Amino acid sequence: GMLCYHRRALEAVVSTQSTGLPNVVMVPVHQRPSLEGFMQLVSEGKPFLMQGVLDHWAALHKWNPQYFIDHHGDRTVPVEVGSSYTNESWTQKLMTMDRFVKEHVCKRDSEIAYLAQYDLFHHIPSLRDDISALDYVSSDVTVEQFWFGPPGTVSPLHHDRYENLFCQVHGRKRVILFDRRADMRAHESELLSNTSTVDVERDFVKEQAWYVEVGPGDALYIPLHWWHHVRSLSVSVSVSVWWQE
């Protein structure tokens, strides 16, 4: 089958050495906390990374670019084209999964494209079998979103109206977070009111930043309305599990 090289995008590596964040703490890591431990951590209202809690997901062993070509290549999916939804040139296109993987995920110099924040499990229900329920969150209140793309995809600094357990299935992403109370100068337009005008990779930001890199099997808790910026460091597949208390 077609090999998909895990090219670490050079700009991603360079940007992780950003000097514009003088006040950085590392997100704390916990190995398989109990349900009580999880609830306690959530009640503290700060981000944390859990390891070893997705080991029962078949997705960890199955979901890679070749798998999506072989099993779901003929499905049509909505793809975001452009490095970030705040860019002028950003657009959305419909294409088959096969074309998306071959022309965008695995091709070195193609335009950045991202299958982002997509309810793939509604579209392809059988995929839900690969991500069995998490003990921490009742699945009858969750919304699952699927993210799949090449190195260099960026979700600009924004916040969501959900609690979020961000589950990394394949590849690596870097996440930079700020407290919901930090002044991150939201866009004035209604459409982008949850998105910051701050470019955390270029601007000088004095507020405390929380830094973490997530890899396969990691689950990052992002508290409600916490600002977060996400950059893929390799080909990446992620599932965000959203819920409202």
Protein backbone atom coordinates (compact mmCIF):
# COMPACT_ATOMS: atom_id res chain seq x y z
CA GLY A 1 0.00 0.00 0.00
CA MET A 2 0.91 3.65 -0.19
CA LEU A 3 3.33 4.78 2.46
CA CYS A 4 2.53 7.97 4.22
CA TYR A 5 5.74 9.51 5.47
CA HIS A 6 5.60 11.14 8.86
CA ARG A 7 7.34 14.24 7.83
CA ARG A 8 7.65 16.49 10.86
CA ALA A 9 6.76 19.83 9.34
CA LEU A 10 9.83 22.00 9.83
CA GLU A 11 7.80 25.10 10.63
CA ALA A 12 6.01 23.17 13.38
CA VAL A 13 9.29 22.27 15.03
CA VAL A 14 10.60 25.81 14.69
CA SER A 15 7.43 27.32 16.09
CA THR A 16 7.56 25.18 19.23
CA GLN A 17 10.65 27.13 20.19
CA SER A 18 8.59 30.30 20.30
CA THR A 19 10.19 32.99 22.44
CA GLY A 20 6.98 35.02 22.65
CA LEU A 21 5.70 33.01 25.63
CA PRO A 22 7.89 33.93 28.61
CA ASN A 23 5.47 32.45 31.14
CA VAL A 24 4.96 28.75 30.34
CA VAL A 25 3.99 25.83 32.54
CA MET A 26 3.80 22.22 31.40
CA VAL A 27 0.39 20.56 31.58
CA PRO A 28 0.56 17.93 34.37
CA VAL A 29 0.42 14.25 33.38
CA HIS A 30 -1.53 11.54 35.19
CA GLN A 31 -1.39 7.79 34.53
CA ARG A 32 -4.86 6.21 34.40
CA PRO A 33 -6.56 8.18 37.18
CA SER A 34 -9.57 6.59 38.89
CA LEU A 35 -13.02 8.04 38.21
CA GLU A 36 -12.81 9.81 41.58
CA GLY A 37 -9.35 11.12 40.70
CA PHE A 38 -10.65 12.38 37.36
CA MET A 39 -13.62 14.16 38.96
CA GLN A 40 -11.29 15.78 41.48
CA LEU A 41 -8.96 17.01 38.73
CA VAL A 42 -11.88 18.36 36.67
CA SER A 43 -13.24 20.19 39.72
CA GLU A 44 -9.91 22.04 40.00
CA GLY A 45 -10.67 23.57 36.59
CA LYS A 46 -7.21 23.24 35.06
CA PRO A 47 -5.94 21.24 32.09
CA PHE A 48 -4.31 17.86 32.60
CA LEU A 49 -3.11 15.01 30.39
CA MET A 50 -4.08 11.39 31.02
CA GLN A 51 -2.02 8.51 29.68
CA GLY A 52 -3.04 4.89 29.32
CA VAL A 53 -6.80 5.56 29.30
CA LEU A 54 -7.40 4.81 25.60
CA ASP A 55 -5.62 1.45 25.52
CA HIS A 56 -8.92 -0.35 24.89
CA TRP A 57 -9.60 1.69 21.73
CA ALA A 58 -9.20 -0.41 18.59
CA ALA A 59 -8.68 2.90 16.79
CA LEU A 60 -5.17 3.16 18.26
CA HIS A 61 -4.07 0.17 16.19
CA LYS A 62 -6.30 0.66 13.15
CA TRP A 63 -6.63 4.31 12.28
CA ASN A 64 -3.86 5.42 9.95
CA PRO A 65 -3.99 6.98 6.48
CA GLN A 66 -3.95 3.61 4.68
CA TYR A 67 -6.85 2.34 6.79
CA PHE A 68 -9.06 5.26 5.76
CA ILE A 69 -8.17 4.73 2.08
CA ASP A 70 -8.82 0.98 2.22
CA HIS A 71 -12.04 1.00 4.23
CA HIS A 72 -13.65 4.41 3.68
CA GLY A 73 -11.92 5.77 0.58
CA ASP A 74 -15.13 6.27 -1.40
CA ARG A 75 -16.83 8.38 1.30
CA THR A 76 -17.28 12.06 0.55
CA VAL A 77 -16.06 14.33 3.34
CA PRO A 78 -15.97 18.13 3.88
CA VAL A 79 -12.37 19.30 3.95
CA GLU A 80 -11.06 22.68 5.10
CA VAL A 81 -8.43 24.00 2.70
CA GLY A 82 -5.96 26.60 3.95
CA SER A 83 -3.68 26.60 6.99
CA SER A 84 -6.25 28.12 9.38
CA TYR A 85 -9.90 29.16 9.31
CA THR A 86 -8.86 32.75 10.08
CA ASN A 87 -6.89 33.02 6.80
CA GLU A 88 -8.36 34.98 3.89
CA SER A 89 -7.84 32.10 1.48
CA TRP A 90 -9.57 29.51 3.66
CA THR A 91 -12.29 27.50 1.97
CA GLN A 92 -14.19 24.25 2.29
CA LYS A 93 -14.35 21.52 -0.37
CA LEU A 94 -16.10 18.20 -0.67
CA MET A 95 -13.89 15.31 -1.78
CA THR A 96 -13.56 11.58 -1.31
CA MET A 97 -11.55 10.31 1.64
CA ASP A 98 -9.24 8.60 -0.87
CA ARG A 99 -8.47 11.89 -2.61
CA PHE A 100 -8.09 13.76 0.68
CA VAL A 101 -5.52 11.26 2.00
CA LYS A 102 -3.55 10.90 -1.24
CA GLU A 103 -3.51 14.56 -2.27
CA HIS A 104 -3.36 16.32 1.09
CA VAL A 105 -2.46 14.11 4.04
CA CYS A 106 0.39 12.22 2.42
CA LYS A 107 1.69 14.60 -0.19
CA ARG A 108 4.68 16.68 0.73
CA ASP A 109 4.07 20.04 -0.93
CA SER A 110 0.32 20.14 -1.31
CA GLU A 111 -1.93 22.82 0.06
CA ILE A 112 -2.75 22.27 3.74
CA ALA A 113 -6.14 20.61 4.09
CA TYR A 114 -7.86 19.38 7.21
CA LEU A 115 -10.83 17.14 7.92
CA ALA A 116 -11.73 19.14 11.03
CA GLN A 117 -14.39 19.07 13.72
CA TYR A 118 -16.45 16.58 11.78
CA ASP A 119 -19.15 14.22 13.03
CA LEU A 120 -17.67 11.27 11.15
CA PHE A 121 -19.33 8.78 13.50
CA HIS A 122 -22.75 9.89 12.31
CA HIS A 123 -21.51 9.58 8.72
CA ILE A 124 -19.77 6.19 9.20
CA PRO A 125 -21.37 4.61 12.31
CA SER A 126 -19.11 1.54 12.21
CA LEU A 127 -16.14 3.73 13.19
CA ARG A 128 -17.75 4.32 16.57
CA ASP A 129 -16.98 0.68 17.41
CA ASP A 130 -13.27 1.59 17.34
CA ILE A 131 -13.59 4.12 20.18
CA SER A 132 -15.37 2.36 23.03
CA ALA A 133 -16.87 4.58 25.71
CA LEU A 134 -14.64 6.28 28.24
CA ASP A 135 -15.37 5.54 31.89
CA TYR A 136 -14.91 9.20 32.76
CA VAL A 137 -17.76 10.74 30.79
CA SER A 138 -21.27 9.40 30.28
CA SER A 139 -21.55 8.79 26.53
CA ASP A 140 -25.21 9.84 26.42
CA VAL A 141 -24.17 13.47 26.94
CA THR A 142 -21.14 13.60 24.66
CA VAL A 143 -20.54 14.97 21.18
CA GLU A 144 -17.62 13.34 19.36
CA GLN A 145 -15.71 15.26 16.71
CA PHE A 146 -13.11 13.80 14.34
CA TRP A 147 -9.91 15.51 13.20
CA PHE A 148 -7.57 14.13 10.50
CA GLY A 149 -4.84 15.93 8.60
CA PRO A 150 -1.21 16.37 7.60
CA PRO A 151 1.54 18.09 9.62
CA GLY A 152 1.08 21.84 9.91
CA THR A 153 -2.68 22.07 10.40
CA VAL A 154 -3.53 24.82 12.88
CA SER A 155 -6.60 25.47 14.98
CA PRO A 156 -6.04 29.11 15.96
CA LEU A 157 -6.45 30.22 19.55
CA HIS A 158 -10.13 29.78 20.44
CA HIS A 159 -12.43 28.47 23.17
CA ASP A 160 -15.47 26.19 23.12
CA ARG A 161 -18.74 26.06 25.01
CA TYR A 162 -18.02 22.48 26.05
CA GLU A 163 -15.85 20.55 28.43
CA ASN A 164 -13.40 18.67 26.20
CA LEU A 165 -11.49 15.42 26.48
CA PHE A 166 -9.17 15.65 23.48
CA CYS A 167 -8.11 12.11 22.56
CA GLN A 168 -5.07 11.62 20.34
CA VAL A 169 -5.26 8.45 18.22
CA HIS A 170 -2.45 8.71 15.65
CA GLY A 171 0.52 11.07 15.36
CA ARG A 172 1.35 14.10 17.48
CA LYS A 173 -0.08 17.55 18.17
CA ARG A 174 1.11 20.49 20.22
CA VAL A 175 -1.45 22.34 22.34
CA ILE A 176 -0.98 25.73 24.01
CA LEU A 177 -3.70 26.77 26.46
CA PHE A 178 -4.66 29.87 28.45
CA ASP A 179 -7.07 30.32 31.34
CA ARG A 180 -10.60 31.37 30.32
CA ARG A 181 -10.03 34.60 32.28
CA ALA A 182 -6.93 35.57 30.28
CA ASP A 183 -7.49 38.56 28.01
CA MET A 184 -6.99 37.02 24.59
CA ARG A 185 -8.67 39.78 22.55
CA ALA A 186 -11.45 37.96 20.74
CA HIS A 187 -12.42 38.91 17.19
CA GLU A 188 -15.16 41.50 17.09
CA SER A 189 -17.19 39.71 14.42
CA GLU A 190 -19.98 37.53 15.77
CA LEU A 191 -18.83 34.62 13.63
CA LEU A 192 -15.37 34.56 15.22
CA SER A 193 -16.33 35.74 18.70
CA ASN A 194 -14.83 32.58 20.25
CA THR A 195 -11.53 33.07 18.39
CA SER A 196 -8.59 35.20 19.52
CA THR A 197 -6.83 37.83 17.43
CA VAL A 198 -3.58 36.83 19.19
CA ASP A 199 -1.13 34.74 17.15
CA VAL A 200 0.48 32.69 19.91
CA GLU A 201 3.26 31.56 17.56
CA ARG A 202 4.37 35.10 16.72
CA ASP A 203 3.05 37.58 19.25
CA PHE A 204 4.51 38.32 22.66
CA VAL A 205 2.00 37.00 25.21
CA LYS A 206 2.66 37.74 28.87
CA GLU A 207 -0.23 35.64 30.25
CA GLN A 208 0.62 32.22 31.63
CA ALA A 209 0.59 29.61 28.86
CA TRP A 210 0.06 25.89 29.45
CA TYR A 211 2.06 23.71 27.06
CA VAL A 212 1.68 20.04 26.11
CA GLU A 213 2.44 17.68 23.24
CA VAL A 214 -0.05 14.85 22.82
CA GLY A 215 0.75 11.48 21.24
CA PRO A 216 -1.15 8.26 20.52
CA GLY A 217 -3.21 7.13 23.52
CA ASP A 218 -3.09 10.50 25.30
CA ALA A 219 -6.27 12.25 26.48
CA LEU A 220 -6.04 15.97 27.28
CA TYR A 221 -8.70 17.61 29.46
CA ILE A 222 -9.45 21.13 28.17
CA PRO A 223 -11.72 22.95 30.66
CA LEU A 224 -14.83 24.78 29.48
CA HIS A 225 -14.00 28.10 27.76
CA TRP A 226 -10.22 27.68 28.15
CA TRP A 227 -8.39 29.17 25.19
CA HIS A 228 -6.42 26.62 23.16
CA HIS A 229 -4.24 26.64 20.05
CA VAL A 230 -3.51 23.32 18.33
CA ARG A 231 -0.83 22.51 15.74
CA SER A 232 -0.24 19.08 14.23
CA LEU A 233 3.42 18.02 14.30
CA SER A 234 2.87 14.97 12.07
CA VAL A 235 0.06 13.25 10.21
CA SER A 236 -2.57 13.21 12.94
CA VAL A 237 -5.91 11.64 13.84
CA SER A 238 -7.76 12.91 16.92
CA VAL A 239 -11.20 12.64 18.51
CA SER A 240 -12.56 15.35 20.76
CA VAL A 241 -15.18 14.22 23.25
CA TRP A 242 -17.27 17.26 24.19
CA TRP A 243 -19.83 17.48 26.96
CA GLN A 244 -21.72 20.08 28.97
CA GLU A 245 -22.09 19.78 32.71
